[in-house]
N, C-alpha and C. Protein backbone atom coordinates (compact mmCIF):
# COMPACT_ATOMS: atom_id res chain seq x y z
N MET A 1 8.06 22.19 -5.09
CA MET A 1 7.49 23.75 -5.12
C MET A 1 7.37 24.33 -3.90
N THR A 2 7.48 25.60 -3.60
CA THR A 2 7.46 26.41 -2.39
C THR A 2 6.57 26.24 -1.58
N PRO A 3 6.45 25.94 -0.44
CA PRO A 3 5.14 25.56 0.32
C PRO A 3 4.68 27.29 0.96
N PHE A 4 3.44 27.08 1.29
CA PHE A 4 2.95 28.46 1.60
C PHE A 4 1.73 28.49 2.57
N ASP A 5 1.82 29.32 3.40
CA ASP A 5 0.74 29.51 4.46
C ASP A 5 -0.62 30.34 4.06
N PHE A 6 -1.90 29.61 4.36
CA PHE A 6 -2.67 30.36 4.03
C PHE A 6 -3.84 30.07 4.88
N ALA A 7 -5.07 30.76 4.99
CA ALA A 7 -6.31 30.41 5.91
C ALA A 7 -7.55 31.12 5.08
N LEU A 8 -8.39 30.29 5.21
CA LEU A 8 -9.58 30.71 4.14
C LEU A 8 -10.42 31.70 4.85
N THR A 9 -10.96 32.90 4.41
CA THR A 9 -12.16 33.48 4.81
C THR A 9 -13.25 33.28 5.44
N GLU A 10 -14.38 33.71 6.21
CA GLU A 10 -15.38 32.86 6.54
C GLU A 10 -16.36 32.72 5.21
N GLU A 11 -16.45 33.62 4.37
CA GLU A 11 -16.91 33.63 3.27
C GLU A 11 -16.70 32.40 2.40
N GLU A 12 -15.01 32.32 2.02
CA GLU A 12 -14.51 31.22 1.44
C GLU A 12 -14.89 29.75 1.93
N ALA A 13 -14.76 29.83 3.36
CA ALA A 13 -14.99 28.45 3.95
C ALA A 13 -16.31 28.05 4.15
N GLY A 14 -17.41 29.16 3.88
CA GLY A 14 -19.02 28.83 3.84
C GLY A 14 -19.04 28.17 2.20
N VAL A 15 -18.54 28.91 1.28
CA VAL A 15 -18.67 28.31 -0.29
C VAL A 15 -18.13 26.78 -0.21
N ALA A 16 -16.80 26.70 0.48
CA ALA A 16 -16.08 25.48 0.34
C ALA A 16 -17.09 24.26 1.11
N ALA A 17 -17.68 24.91 2.04
CA ALA A 17 -18.34 23.66 3.08
C ALA A 17 -19.73 23.40 2.09
N SER A 18 -20.15 24.30 1.53
CA SER A 18 -21.31 23.95 0.60
C SER A 18 -21.15 23.31 -0.39
N ARG A 19 -20.14 23.45 -1.17
CA ARG A 19 -19.77 22.67 -2.57
C ARG A 19 -19.34 21.19 -1.82
N ALA A 20 -18.73 21.16 -0.84
CA ALA A 20 -18.38 19.88 -0.09
C ALA A 20 -19.48 19.14 0.11
N ALA A 21 -20.49 19.62 0.97
CA ALA A 21 -21.79 19.00 1.14
C ALA A 21 -22.41 18.74 0.38
N TRP A 22 -22.66 19.36 -0.91
CA TRP A 22 -23.48 19.00 -1.91
C TRP A 22 -22.87 17.83 -2.89
N ARG A 23 -21.61 17.56 -2.88
CA ARG A 23 -20.62 16.65 -3.53
C ARG A 23 -21.07 15.40 -2.82
N ALA A 24 -20.76 15.62 -1.48
CA ALA A 24 -20.83 14.21 -0.34
C ALA A 24 -22.26 13.64 -0.46
N ALA A 25 -23.35 14.74 -0.55
CA ALA A 25 -24.77 14.22 -1.05
C ALA A 25 -24.69 13.47 -2.06
N LEU A 26 -24.25 14.06 -3.22
CA LEU A 26 -24.13 13.38 -4.68
C LEU A 26 -23.59 12.02 -4.57
N GLY A 27 -22.52 11.85 -3.89
CA GLY A 27 -21.66 10.85 -3.79
C GLY A 27 -22.59 9.55 -3.01
N GLN A 28 -23.34 9.95 -2.27
CA GLN A 28 -24.49 9.01 -1.52
C GLN A 28 -25.54 8.46 -2.51
N GLY A 29 -25.42 8.86 -3.56
CA GLY A 29 -26.63 8.55 -4.48
C GLY A 29 -27.85 9.37 -4.30
N LEU A 30 -27.75 10.68 -4.05
CA LEU A 30 -28.56 11.64 -3.82
C LEU A 30 -29.86 11.44 -4.92
N LEU A 31 -29.31 11.61 -6.35
CA LEU A 31 -30.34 11.41 -7.36
C LEU A 31 -31.03 10.10 -7.31
N ALA A 32 -30.42 9.20 -7.24
CA ALA A 32 -31.17 7.93 -7.19
C ALA A 32 -32.13 7.64 -6.08
N ARG A 33 -31.67 8.18 -5.03
CA ARG A 33 -32.62 8.36 -3.81
C ARG A 33 -33.81 9.26 -3.86
N HIS A 34 -33.62 9.98 -4.49
CA HIS A 34 -34.88 10.96 -4.83
C HIS A 34 -35.64 10.56 -6.00
N LEU A 35 -35.01 10.14 -7.35
CA LEU A 35 -35.59 9.80 -8.36
C LEU A 35 -36.56 8.21 -8.21
N GLY A 36 -36.03 7.15 -7.86
CA GLY A 36 -36.26 6.04 -7.51
C GLY A 36 -37.68 6.20 -6.68
N PRO A 37 -37.91 6.55 -5.53
CA PRO A 37 -38.99 6.59 -4.85
C PRO A 37 -40.06 7.32 -5.56
N LEU A 38 -39.63 9.08 -6.39
CA LEU A 38 -40.61 9.54 -6.81
C LEU A 38 -41.23 8.70 -7.87
N ALA A 39 -40.63 8.00 -8.75
CA ALA A 39 -40.87 7.03 -9.71
C ALA A 39 -42.04 6.27 -9.35
N ALA A 40 -41.70 5.46 -8.00
CA ALA A 40 -42.79 4.58 -7.49
C ALA A 40 -43.82 5.31 -6.88
N PHE A 41 -43.59 6.34 -6.26
CA PHE A 41 -44.91 7.18 -5.64
C PHE A 41 -45.83 7.72 -7.04
N ILE A 42 -45.10 7.78 -8.13
CA ILE A 42 -46.27 8.32 -9.45
C ILE A 42 -46.64 7.07 -9.77
N LEU A 43 -45.83 5.81 -9.92
CA LEU A 43 -46.59 4.73 -10.21
C LEU A 43 -47.89 4.13 -9.36
N ALA A 44 -47.39 4.16 -8.25
CA ALA A 44 -48.59 3.79 -7.28
C ALA A 44 -49.59 4.71 -7.32
N VAL A 45 -49.61 6.00 -7.45
CA VAL A 45 -50.72 6.74 -7.67
C VAL A 45 -51.56 6.73 -8.84
N THR A 46 -50.67 6.42 -10.09
CA THR A 46 -51.27 6.19 -11.17
C THR A 46 -52.12 4.96 -11.15
N PHE A 47 -51.59 3.96 -10.92
CA PHE A 47 -52.07 2.36 -10.65
C PHE A 47 -53.21 2.61 -9.95
N ALA A 48 -53.04 3.12 -8.67
CA ALA A 48 -54.57 3.36 -7.62
C ALA A 48 -55.72 3.95 -8.45
N ALA A 49 -55.40 5.27 -9.15
CA ALA A 49 -56.26 5.90 -9.74
C ALA A 49 -56.97 5.23 -10.92
N ILE A 50 -55.99 4.53 -11.50
CA ILE A 50 -56.77 3.66 -12.79
C ILE A 50 -57.47 2.40 -12.32
N LEU A 51 -56.79 1.81 -11.02
CA LEU A 51 -57.86 0.85 -10.67
C LEU A 51 -59.40 1.29 -10.06
N GLY A 52 -59.13 2.73 -9.40
CA GLY A 52 -60.39 3.34 -8.95
C GLY A 52 -61.34 3.68 -9.73
N TRP A 53 -60.54 4.32 -11.01
CA TRP A 53 -61.51 4.77 -12.04
C TRP A 53 -62.33 3.78 -12.89
N THR A 54 -61.56 2.74 -13.23
CA THR A 54 -62.11 1.50 -13.95
C THR A 54 -63.17 1.00 -13.00
N GLY A 55 -63.21 1.04 -11.53
CA GLY A 55 -63.94 0.35 -10.93
C GLY A 55 -63.62 -1.27 -10.59
N LEU A 56 -62.37 -1.48 -10.51
CA LEU A 56 -61.80 -2.75 -10.40
C LEU A 56 -61.55 -2.70 -8.70
N ILE A 57 -61.23 -1.33 -7.98
CA ILE A 57 -61.66 -1.50 -6.57
C ILE A 57 -62.49 -0.28 -6.38
N SER A 58 -62.86 -0.28 -4.99
CA SER A 58 -63.76 0.67 -4.83
C SER A 58 -63.16 1.92 -4.80
N ARG A 59 -64.06 3.31 -4.74
CA ARG A 59 -63.63 4.53 -4.79
C ARG A 59 -62.66 4.66 -3.37
N ARG A 60 -63.47 4.05 -2.11
CA ARG A 60 -62.77 4.31 -0.93
C ARG A 60 -61.57 3.79 -0.84
N ALA A 61 -61.23 2.24 -1.30
CA ALA A 61 -59.89 1.74 -1.53
C ALA A 61 -58.88 2.60 -2.20
N ALA A 62 -59.33 3.15 -3.46
CA ALA A 62 -58.56 4.06 -4.31
C ALA A 62 -58.10 5.00 -3.50
N GLU A 63 -58.97 5.95 -2.81
CA GLU A 63 -58.61 7.01 -1.95
C GLU A 63 -57.49 6.90 -0.75
N ILE A 64 -57.69 5.51 0.01
CA ILE A 64 -56.68 5.13 0.73
C ILE A 64 -55.41 5.01 0.52
N ALA A 65 -55.69 4.24 -0.96
CA ALA A 65 -54.27 3.94 -1.71
C ALA A 65 -53.52 5.45 -2.04
N LEU A 66 -54.10 6.27 -2.41
CA LEU A 66 -53.35 7.42 -2.89
C LEU A 66 -52.78 8.12 -1.55
N ILE A 67 -53.60 8.02 -0.31
CA ILE A 67 -53.33 8.76 0.99
C ILE A 67 -52.13 8.21 1.38
N LEU A 68 -52.16 6.69 1.48
CA LEU A 68 -51.04 5.91 1.74
C LEU A 68 -49.59 6.22 0.87
N SER A 69 -50.02 6.24 -0.36
CA SER A 69 -48.73 6.54 -1.21
C SER A 69 -48.34 7.88 -0.83
N ALA A 70 -49.14 8.76 -0.74
CA ALA A 70 -48.46 10.32 -0.45
C ALA A 70 -47.99 10.24 1.17
N ALA A 71 -48.44 9.60 2.13
CA ALA A 71 -47.71 9.76 3.22
C ALA A 71 -46.59 9.19 3.14
N ALA A 72 -46.50 7.51 2.43
CA ALA A 72 -45.01 6.98 2.86
C ALA A 72 -43.95 7.75 1.72
N TYR A 73 -44.38 8.74 0.60
CA TYR A 73 -43.34 9.35 0.10
C TYR A 73 -43.08 10.82 0.89
N MET A 74 -44.01 11.14 1.36
CA MET A 74 -43.73 12.34 2.27
C MET A 74 -42.74 12.18 3.35
N ILE A 75 -43.18 11.04 3.99
CA ILE A 75 -41.89 10.33 5.15
C ILE A 75 -40.64 10.29 4.73
N TYR A 76 -40.63 9.54 3.61
CA TYR A 76 -39.33 9.25 2.84
C TYR A 76 -38.51 10.72 2.46
N ARG A 77 -39.30 11.50 2.09
CA ARG A 77 -38.45 12.98 1.64
C ARG A 77 -38.18 13.55 3.04
N LEU A 78 -38.98 13.53 4.23
CA LEU A 78 -38.49 14.15 5.30
C LEU A 78 -36.93 13.19 5.75
N TRP A 79 -37.07 12.05 5.82
CA TRP A 79 -35.99 11.32 6.23
C TRP A 79 -34.49 11.65 5.26
N THR A 80 -34.98 11.56 3.81
CA THR A 80 -33.56 11.99 3.03
C THR A 80 -33.35 13.65 3.38
N ARG A 81 -34.15 14.33 3.60
CA ARG A 81 -33.87 15.66 3.92
C ARG A 81 -33.06 15.83 5.14
N ARG A 82 -33.32 15.07 6.08
CA ARG A 82 -32.81 15.04 7.45
C ARG A 82 -31.36 14.56 7.30
N GLN A 83 -31.22 13.58 6.39
CA GLN A 83 -29.77 13.01 6.10
C GLN A 83 -28.92 13.81 5.36
N PHE A 84 -29.81 14.71 4.12
CA PHE A 84 -28.94 15.94 3.82
C PHE A 84 -28.57 16.77 4.42
N LEU A 85 -29.24 17.18 5.48
CA LEU A 85 -29.02 18.23 6.63
C LEU A 85 -27.94 17.70 7.52
N ASN A 86 -27.68 16.63 7.86
CA ASN A 86 -26.72 16.16 8.63
C ASN A 86 -25.29 16.19 7.97
N VAL A 87 -25.41 15.89 6.56
CA VAL A 87 -24.16 16.02 5.88
C VAL A 87 -23.85 17.53 5.82
N ARG A 88 -24.80 18.42 5.52
CA ARG A 88 -24.35 19.86 5.69
C ARG A 88 -23.97 20.26 6.86
N ARG A 89 -24.45 19.89 7.92
CA ARG A 89 -23.79 20.10 9.18
C ARG A 89 -22.59 19.63 9.53
N ALA A 90 -22.26 18.39 9.06
CA ALA A 90 -20.88 18.03 8.76
C ALA A 90 -20.04 18.76 8.04
N ALA A 91 -20.32 19.40 6.97
CA ALA A 91 -19.47 20.26 6.00
C ALA A 91 -19.20 21.68 6.69
N MET A 92 -20.21 22.08 7.15
CA MET A 92 -19.95 23.43 8.01
C MET A 92 -18.87 23.17 8.99
N ALA A 93 -19.24 22.43 9.76
CA ALA A 93 -18.00 22.05 10.84
C ALA A 93 -16.50 21.78 10.10
N TRP A 94 -16.65 21.29 8.98
CA TRP A 94 -15.36 20.98 8.18
C TRP A 94 -14.69 22.24 7.81
N GLY A 95 -15.93 22.95 7.32
CA GLY A 95 -15.43 24.31 6.51
C GLY A 95 -14.84 25.44 7.65
N ALA A 96 -15.38 25.39 8.93
CA ALA A 96 -14.95 26.14 9.89
C ALA A 96 -13.58 25.76 10.18
N SER A 97 -13.11 24.65 10.28
CA SER A 97 -11.79 24.08 10.57
C SER A 97 -10.82 24.49 9.57
N GLN A 98 -11.32 25.02 8.07
CA GLN A 98 -10.38 25.14 7.04
C GLN A 98 -9.99 26.77 7.69
N ARG A 99 -10.63 27.34 8.27
CA ARG A 99 -10.11 28.81 8.64
C ARG A 99 -9.08 29.05 9.54
N GLU A 100 -8.56 27.95 9.97
CA GLU A 100 -7.20 28.00 10.61
C GLU A 100 -6.16 28.13 9.72
N THR A 101 -4.80 28.85 9.90
CA THR A 101 -3.90 28.92 9.10
C THR A 101 -3.06 27.63 9.07
N ALA A 102 -2.67 27.27 7.81
CA ALA A 102 -2.16 26.08 7.47
C ALA A 102 -1.04 26.17 6.45
N SER A 103 0.11 25.58 6.45
CA SER A 103 1.12 25.22 5.48
C SER A 103 0.73 24.31 4.72
N LEU A 104 0.63 24.71 3.26
CA LEU A 104 0.27 23.58 2.18
C LEU A 104 1.79 23.47 1.22
N SER A 105 2.05 22.10 1.12
CA SER A 105 3.44 21.72 0.43
C SER A 105 2.76 20.84 -1.03
N LEU A 106 3.41 20.80 -2.05
CA LEU A 106 3.39 19.84 -3.08
C LEU A 106 4.56 19.28 -3.58
N ASP A 107 4.60 17.81 -3.66
CA ASP A 107 5.60 17.25 -4.28
C ASP A 107 5.24 16.46 -5.16
N GLU A 108 6.09 15.47 -5.67
CA GLU A 108 5.67 14.25 -6.73
C GLU A 108 4.58 13.52 -6.21
N ALA A 109 4.53 13.34 -4.87
CA ALA A 109 3.48 12.03 -4.31
C ALA A 109 2.26 12.92 -4.22
N GLY A 110 2.27 14.11 -3.87
CA GLY A 110 0.65 14.79 -3.52
C GLY A 110 0.93 15.87 -2.72
N PHE A 111 -0.21 16.40 -2.17
CA PHE A 111 -0.27 17.43 -1.28
C PHE A 111 -0.04 17.09 0.13
N ARG A 112 0.50 18.14 0.88
CA ARG A 112 0.47 17.85 2.65
C ARG A 112 0.02 19.27 2.76
N ARG A 113 -1.00 18.98 3.95
CA ARG A 113 -1.30 20.00 5.03
C ARG A 113 -1.48 19.56 6.38
N GLY A 114 -0.74 20.12 7.16
CA GLY A 114 -0.64 20.07 8.43
C GLY A 114 -0.09 18.31 8.50
N GLY A 115 -1.02 17.46 9.09
CA GLY A 115 -0.66 16.04 9.10
C GLY A 115 -1.38 15.12 8.02
N ALA A 116 -2.07 15.78 7.23
CA ALA A 116 -3.09 15.46 6.28
C ALA A 116 -2.37 15.20 4.98
N ALA A 117 -2.54 14.06 4.04
CA ALA A 117 -1.88 13.94 2.87
C ALA A 117 -3.25 13.81 1.77
N TRP A 118 -3.09 14.33 0.50
CA TRP A 118 -3.64 13.83 -0.45
C TRP A 118 -2.88 13.67 -1.89
N LEU A 119 -2.81 12.36 -1.69
CA LEU A 119 -1.68 11.51 -2.83
C LEU A 119 -2.23 11.47 -4.24
N PHE A 120 -1.57 11.84 -5.18
CA PHE A 120 -2.02 11.68 -6.70
C PHE A 120 -2.28 10.07 -6.96
N ALA A 121 -1.60 9.06 -6.22
CA ALA A 121 -1.86 7.47 -6.30
C ALA A 121 -3.44 7.15 -5.81
N GLU A 122 -4.01 8.03 -5.14
CA GLU A 122 -5.41 7.94 -4.82
C GLU A 122 -6.54 8.30 -5.62
N GLY A 123 -6.12 9.06 -6.70
CA GLY A 123 -6.86 9.21 -7.85
C GLY A 123 -7.68 10.79 -7.66
N LEU A 124 -6.85 11.71 -7.30
CA LEU A 124 -7.38 12.97 -7.30
C LEU A 124 -7.97 13.71 -8.39
N GLU A 125 -8.87 14.47 -7.85
CA GLU A 125 -9.65 15.47 -9.01
C GLU A 125 -9.47 16.77 -8.69
N VAL A 126 -9.00 17.53 -9.54
CA VAL A 126 -8.78 19.05 -9.56
C VAL A 126 -9.62 19.93 -10.20
N GLU A 127 -10.38 21.02 -9.46
CA GLU A 127 -11.06 21.92 -10.01
C GLU A 127 -10.50 23.43 -9.10
N GLU A 128 -10.94 24.39 -10.23
CA GLU A 128 -10.97 25.75 -9.63
C GLU A 128 -12.49 26.28 -9.90
N VAL A 129 -13.03 26.84 -8.80
CA VAL A 129 -14.17 27.53 -8.91
C VAL A 129 -14.33 28.61 -7.92
N ALA A 130 -14.61 29.69 -8.46
CA ALA A 130 -14.72 31.05 -8.04
C ALA A 130 -13.46 31.28 -7.07
N GLY A 131 -12.30 31.27 -7.48
CA GLY A 131 -11.11 31.75 -6.82
C GLY A 131 -10.67 30.41 -5.76
N LEU A 132 -11.26 29.48 -5.51
CA LEU A 132 -10.89 28.58 -4.63
C LEU A 132 -10.40 27.52 -5.58
N VAL A 133 -9.36 26.62 -5.05
CA VAL A 133 -8.98 25.40 -5.88
C VAL A 133 -9.31 24.34 -4.81
N TYR A 134 -9.95 23.41 -5.47
CA TYR A 134 -10.34 21.91 -4.72
C TYR A 134 -9.78 20.93 -5.40
N VAL A 135 -9.26 20.13 -4.07
CA VAL A 135 -8.67 18.86 -4.60
C VAL A 135 -9.30 17.64 -4.07
N TRP A 136 -9.91 17.03 -4.95
CA TRP A 136 -10.88 15.93 -4.40
C TRP A 136 -10.28 14.87 -4.24
N PRO A 137 -10.35 14.13 -2.86
CA PRO A 137 -9.87 12.48 -3.22
C PRO A 137 -11.42 11.71 -3.59
N LYS A 138 -11.01 10.36 -3.57
CA LYS A 138 -12.14 9.61 -3.99
C LYS A 138 -12.86 9.67 -2.81
N HIS A 139 -12.65 9.50 -1.35
CA HIS A 139 -13.70 9.69 -0.22
C HIS A 139 -13.26 10.94 0.64
N GLY A 140 -13.96 11.30 1.41
CA GLY A 140 -13.44 12.46 2.26
C GLY A 140 -13.54 13.71 2.04
N TRP A 141 -13.19 14.51 2.62
CA TRP A 141 -13.50 16.05 2.21
C TRP A 141 -12.29 16.51 1.43
N PRO A 142 -12.41 17.47 0.96
CA PRO A 142 -11.33 18.05 -0.24
C PRO A 142 -10.20 18.85 0.58
N LEU A 143 -9.31 19.19 -0.02
CA LEU A 143 -8.08 20.17 -0.02
C LEU A 143 -8.73 21.37 -0.52
N VAL A 144 -8.75 22.43 0.10
CA VAL A 144 -9.33 23.55 -0.72
C VAL A 144 -8.33 24.96 -0.29
N TRP A 145 -8.12 25.41 -1.03
CA TRP A 145 -6.75 26.56 -0.94
C TRP A 145 -7.53 27.80 -1.93
N PRO A 146 -7.35 28.97 -1.25
CA PRO A 146 -7.69 30.22 -2.09
C PRO A 146 -6.64 30.19 -3.34
N ARG A 147 -7.01 30.57 -4.66
CA ARG A 147 -5.72 30.99 -5.26
C ARG A 147 -5.25 32.01 -5.13
N ARG A 148 -5.50 33.32 -4.37
CA ARG A 148 -5.16 34.48 -3.98
C ARG A 148 -3.74 34.20 -3.04
N ALA A 149 -3.76 32.86 -2.41
CA ALA A 149 -2.79 32.30 -1.43
C ALA A 149 -1.47 32.42 -1.93
N THR A 150 -0.84 32.01 -3.25
CA THR A 150 0.23 32.25 -3.73
C THR A 150 0.30 32.71 -5.20
N GLU A 151 1.53 33.27 -5.30
CA GLU A 151 1.66 33.91 -6.85
C GLU A 151 2.19 32.71 -7.74
N GLU A 152 2.27 31.46 -7.19
CA GLU A 152 2.54 30.56 -8.20
C GLU A 152 1.26 29.60 -8.54
N ALA A 153 0.33 30.30 -7.86
CA ALA A 153 -0.98 29.42 -8.25
C ALA A 153 -1.21 28.55 -9.43
N GLU A 154 -0.84 29.39 -10.70
CA GLU A 154 -0.81 28.74 -11.67
C GLU A 154 -0.04 27.57 -12.04
N ASP A 155 0.99 27.77 -11.58
CA ASP A 155 2.55 26.81 -11.69
C ASP A 155 1.63 25.45 -10.95
N TRP A 156 0.99 25.63 -9.59
CA TRP A 156 0.76 24.52 -9.06
C TRP A 156 -0.39 23.90 -9.42
N LEU A 157 -1.30 24.83 -10.24
CA LEU A 157 -2.66 24.05 -10.95
C LEU A 157 -1.96 23.27 -12.07
N SER A 158 -1.39 23.71 -12.87
CA SER A 158 -0.64 23.21 -13.92
C SER A 158 0.08 21.69 -13.65
N PHE A 159 0.75 21.84 -12.46
CA PHE A 159 1.65 20.70 -12.23
C PHE A 159 0.53 19.77 -11.44
N THR A 160 -0.43 20.00 -10.96
CA THR A 160 -1.75 19.16 -10.24
C THR A 160 -2.38 18.49 -11.26
N ARG A 161 -2.71 19.40 -12.30
CA ARG A 161 -3.71 18.88 -13.25
C ARG A 161 -2.97 17.85 -13.94
N ALA A 162 -1.59 18.22 -14.60
CA ALA A 162 -0.49 17.16 -15.00
C ALA A 162 -0.40 15.71 -14.52
N ARG A 163 -0.32 15.83 -12.99
CA ARG A 163 -0.17 14.67 -12.34
C ARG A 163 -1.59 13.82 -12.30
N ALA A 164 -2.54 14.66 -12.23
CA ALA A 164 -3.91 13.90 -12.01
C ALA A 164 -4.24 13.36 -13.13
N VAL A 165 -3.93 13.88 -14.53
CA VAL A 165 -4.41 13.29 -15.63
C VAL A 165 -3.44 12.15 -16.01
N SER A 166 -2.07 12.40 -15.58
CA SER A 166 -1.38 11.28 -16.05
C SER A 166 -1.36 10.10 -15.18
N ARG A 167 -2.12 10.14 -13.98
CA ARG A 167 -2.40 9.23 -12.85
C ARG A 167 -3.60 8.45 -13.57
N GLN A 168 -4.66 9.25 -14.10
CA GLN A 168 -5.82 8.57 -14.49
C GLN A 168 -5.60 7.85 -15.91
N ILE A 169 -4.55 8.43 -16.73
CA ILE A 169 -4.18 7.41 -18.01
C ILE A 169 -3.43 6.33 -17.54
N ALA A 170 -2.75 6.21 -16.57
CA ALA A 170 -2.19 5.08 -16.18
C ALA A 170 -3.07 4.27 -15.63
N ALA A 171 -4.25 4.64 -14.94
CA ALA A 171 -4.99 3.76 -14.33
C ALA A 171 -6.03 3.15 -15.30
N ALA A 172 -6.38 3.68 -16.58
CA ALA A 172 -7.16 3.33 -17.56
C ALA A 172 -6.00 2.38 -18.36
N VAL A 173 -4.90 2.32 -18.47
CA VAL A 173 -4.13 1.60 -19.27
C VAL A 173 -4.05 0.19 -18.45
N ASP A 174 -4.00 0.47 -17.13
CA ASP A 174 -3.85 -0.76 -16.40
C ASP A 174 -5.15 -1.36 -16.57
N ASP A 175 -6.37 -0.76 -16.28
CA ASP A 175 -7.56 -1.42 -16.36
C ASP A 175 -7.68 -2.15 -18.08
N ASP A 176 -6.85 -1.66 -18.97
CA ASP A 176 -7.08 -2.18 -20.00
C ASP A 176 -6.50 -3.65 -20.27
N ASP A 177 -5.54 -3.61 -19.42
CA ASP A 177 -4.40 -4.88 -19.56
C ASP A 177 -5.10 -6.13 -18.95
């Protein structure tokens, strides 16, 4: 397919960086890192309240347990929030680098942009959101280009989706064997 040159606008780069940060955070187990400690906090508070209410421990000990549980949970939340902000900062730097004009080419093996390659053999995932096309590798930052960048955008998307799906089918068949 015919290579083309493109550059993301500042707004497009910001949208792509936000989406990349969110996906990177989810890939690191964001939900498990939030829901597990929340469940532990709720259980600790409930257990301490029941023990204090039934008189199995003193009221003072129950209050201390509640305060310590709340403090531990808040410290943990601050730590995870900092991790998310670090991912967001890295994604914003990546998004700023996407504003440079680059040439994108597509062949049977995958995509090439500058010196980087996104290969179908690595299990790419393709999606189009808000006029931006994302090609997600298993690990790392995605390849993003605006749909407006080429008149052949629909052909590129069709070809890419077909290659990605055929690769997924081949992987599933290999797993069954």
